[in-house]
C-alpha atoms as a PDB file:
ATOM      1  CA  UNK A   1      -2.486 -19.993  21.506  1.00  0.00           C
ATOM      2  CA  UNK A   2       0.726 -18.543  23.511  1.00  0.00           C
ATOM      3  CA  UNK A   3       3.866 -18.239  21.825  1.00  0.00           C
ATOM      4  CA  UNK A   4       7.414 -17.195  22.249  1.00  0.00           C
ATOM      5  CA  UNK A   5       6.663 -13.566  21.721  1.00  0.00           C
ATOM      6  CA  UNK A   6       3.641 -13.437  24.330  1.00  0.00           C
ATOM      7  CA  UNK A   7       5.631 -15.174  26.669  1.00  0.00           C
ATOM      8  CA  UNK A   8       8.656 -12.512  26.169  1.00  0.00           C
ATOM      9  CA  UNK A   9       6.070  -9.650  26.719  1.00  0.00           C
ATOM     10  CA  UNK A  10       5.307 -11.205  30.334  1.00  0.00           C
ATOM     11  CA  UNK A  11       8.713 -11.943  31.088  1.00  0.00           C
ATOM     12  CA  UNK A  12       9.969  -8.167  30.239  1.00  0.00           C
ATOM     13  CA  UNK A  13       8.578  -6.552  33.450  1.00  0.00           C
ATOM     14  CA  UNK A  14       8.793  -9.666  35.784  1.00  0.00           C
ATOM     15  CA  UNK A  15      12.615  -9.633  34.796  1.00  0.00           C
ATOM     16  CA  UNK A  16      12.737  -6.003  35.630  1.00  0.00           C
ATOM     17  CA  UNK A  17      11.052  -6.274  38.943  1.00  0.00           C
ATOM     18  CA  UNK A  18      12.353  -9.674  39.902  1.00  0.00           C
ATOM     19  CA  UNK A  19      15.781  -8.892  39.234  1.00  0.00           C
ATOM     20  CA  UNK A  20      15.587  -5.714  40.645  1.00  0.00           C
ATOM     21  CA  UNK A  21      14.209  -7.019  43.968  1.00  0.00           C
ATOM     22  CA  UNK A  22      16.424  -9.960  44.198  1.00  0.00           C
ATOM     23  CA  UNK A  23      19.684  -7.765  44.037  1.00  0.00           C
ATOM     24  CA  UNK A  24      18.286  -5.205  46.068  1.00  0.00           C
ATOM     25  CA  UNK A  25      17.410  -7.676  48.613  1.00  0.00           C
ATOM     26  CA  UNK A  26      21.001  -9.285  48.214  1.00  0.00           C
ATOM     27  CA  UNK A  27      22.479  -6.059  49.611  1.00  0.00           C
ATOM     28  CA  UNK A  28      23.079  -4.069  46.127  1.00  0.00           C
ATOM     29  CA  UNK A  29      21.556  -0.461  46.289  1.00  0.00           C
ATOM     30  CA  UNK A  30      18.313  -0.125  44.386  1.00  0.00           C
ATOM     31  CA  UNK A  31      19.913   2.853  42.614  1.00  0.00           C
ATOM     32  CA  UNK A  32      22.363   0.029  41.096  1.00  0.00           C
ATOM     33  CA  UNK A  33      19.782  -2.846  41.082  1.00  0.00           C
ATOM     34  CA  UNK A  34      17.333  -1.188  38.584  1.00  0.00           C
ATOM     35  CA  UNK A  35      19.977  -0.742  35.614  1.00  0.00           C
ATOM     36  CA  UNK A  36      20.896  -4.321  35.997  1.00  0.00           C
ATOM     37  CA  UNK A  37      17.159  -5.299  36.004  1.00  0.00           C
ATOM     38  CA  UNK A  38      16.588  -3.083  32.905  1.00  0.00           C
ATOM     39  CA  UNK A  39      19.656  -4.590  31.129  1.00  0.00           C
ATOM     40  CA  UNK A  40      17.838  -7.959  31.834  1.00  0.00           C
ATOM     41  CA  UNK A  41      14.799  -6.677  30.201  1.00  0.00           C
ATOM     42  CA  UNK A  42      16.381  -5.065  27.511  1.00  0.00           C
ATOM     43  CA  UNK A  43      18.313  -8.441  26.461  1.00  0.00           C
ATOM     44  CA  UNK A  44      14.863 -10.310  26.416  1.00  0.00           C
ATOM     45  CA  UNK A  45      13.700  -7.599  24.123  1.00  0.00           C
ATOM     46  CA  UNK A  46      16.565  -7.770  21.759  1.00  0.00           C
ATOM     47  CA  UNK A  47      16.458 -11.684  21.707  1.00  0.00           C
ATOM     48  CA  UNK A  48      12.925 -11.169  20.684  1.00  0.00           C
ATOM     49  CA  UNK A  49      13.785  -8.855  17.994  1.00  0.00           C
ATOM     50  CA  UNK A  50      16.875 -10.137  16.334  1.00  0.00           C
ATOM     51  CA  UNK A  51      17.507 -13.753  17.174  1.00  0.00           C
ATOM     52  CA  UNK A  52      14.017 -15.034  17.081  1.00  0.00           C
ATOM     53  CA  UNK A  53      12.221 -12.147  15.419  1.00  0.00           C
ATOM     54  CA  UNK A  54       8.749 -12.196  14.123  1.00  0.00           C
ATOM     55  CA  UNK A  55       7.869 -13.627  10.888  1.00  0.00           C
ATOM     56  CA  UNK A  56       5.523 -13.142   8.158  1.00  0.00           C
ATOM     57  CA  UNK A  57       3.534 -16.171   6.947  1.00  0.00           C
ATOM     58  CA  UNK A  58       4.680 -17.778   3.944  1.00  0.00           C
ATOM     59  CA  UNK A  59       2.115 -19.089   0.965  1.00  0.00           C
ATOM     60  CA  UNK A  60       2.038 -22.942   1.200  1.00  0.00           C
ATOM     61  CA  UNK A  61       3.657 -25.133  -1.411  1.00  0.00           C
ATOM     62  CA  UNK A  62       0.977 -25.472  -4.495  1.00  0.00           C
ATOM     63  CA  UNK A  63      -0.830 -22.442  -3.310  1.00  0.00           C
ATOM     64  CA  UNK A  64      -2.323 -20.532  -6.262  1.00  0.00           C
ATOM     65  CA  UNK A  65      -1.246 -16.929  -6.570  1.00  0.00           C
ATOM     66  CA  UNK A  66      -3.805 -14.956  -8.117  1.00  0.00           C
ATOM     67  CA  UNK A  67      -1.573 -12.055  -9.508  1.00  0.00           C
ATOM     68  CA  UNK A  68       1.873 -12.505 -11.134  1.00  0.00           C
ATOM     69  CA  UNK A  69       4.711 -10.497 -12.036  1.00  0.00           C
ATOM     70  CA  UNK A  70       3.805 -10.066 -15.739  1.00  0.00           C
ATOM     71  CA  UNK A  71       0.142  -9.493 -15.462  1.00  0.00           C
ATOM     72  CA  UNK A  72      -0.935  -6.175 -17.199  1.00  0.00           C
ATOM     73  CA  UNK A  73      -2.364  -3.355 -15.046  1.00  0.00           C
ATOM     74  CA  UNK A  74      -6.254  -3.408 -14.941  1.00  0.00           C
ATOM     75  CA  UNK A  75      -7.837  -0.921 -17.406  1.00  0.00           C
ATOM     76  CA  UNK A  76      -9.474   2.163 -16.178  1.00  0.00           C
ATOM     77  CA  UNK A  77     -11.756   2.756 -19.368  1.00  0.00           C
END
């Protein structure tokens, strides 16, 4: 099942190459178009990391914990 971060991984090179190509064909020099495409890719990466960052799975309500904070350490003897 593909998720948001899978799509972002596909959009990073597509944005870099696509934005660069569109700007270069639109009359901007390649030396100026590449940083703009790189900036768009960097914004995608930043959004995926900081705005919709990966999360860890949380235990469901009512799930039984096998270890508690007050449990004694195992006896090595």
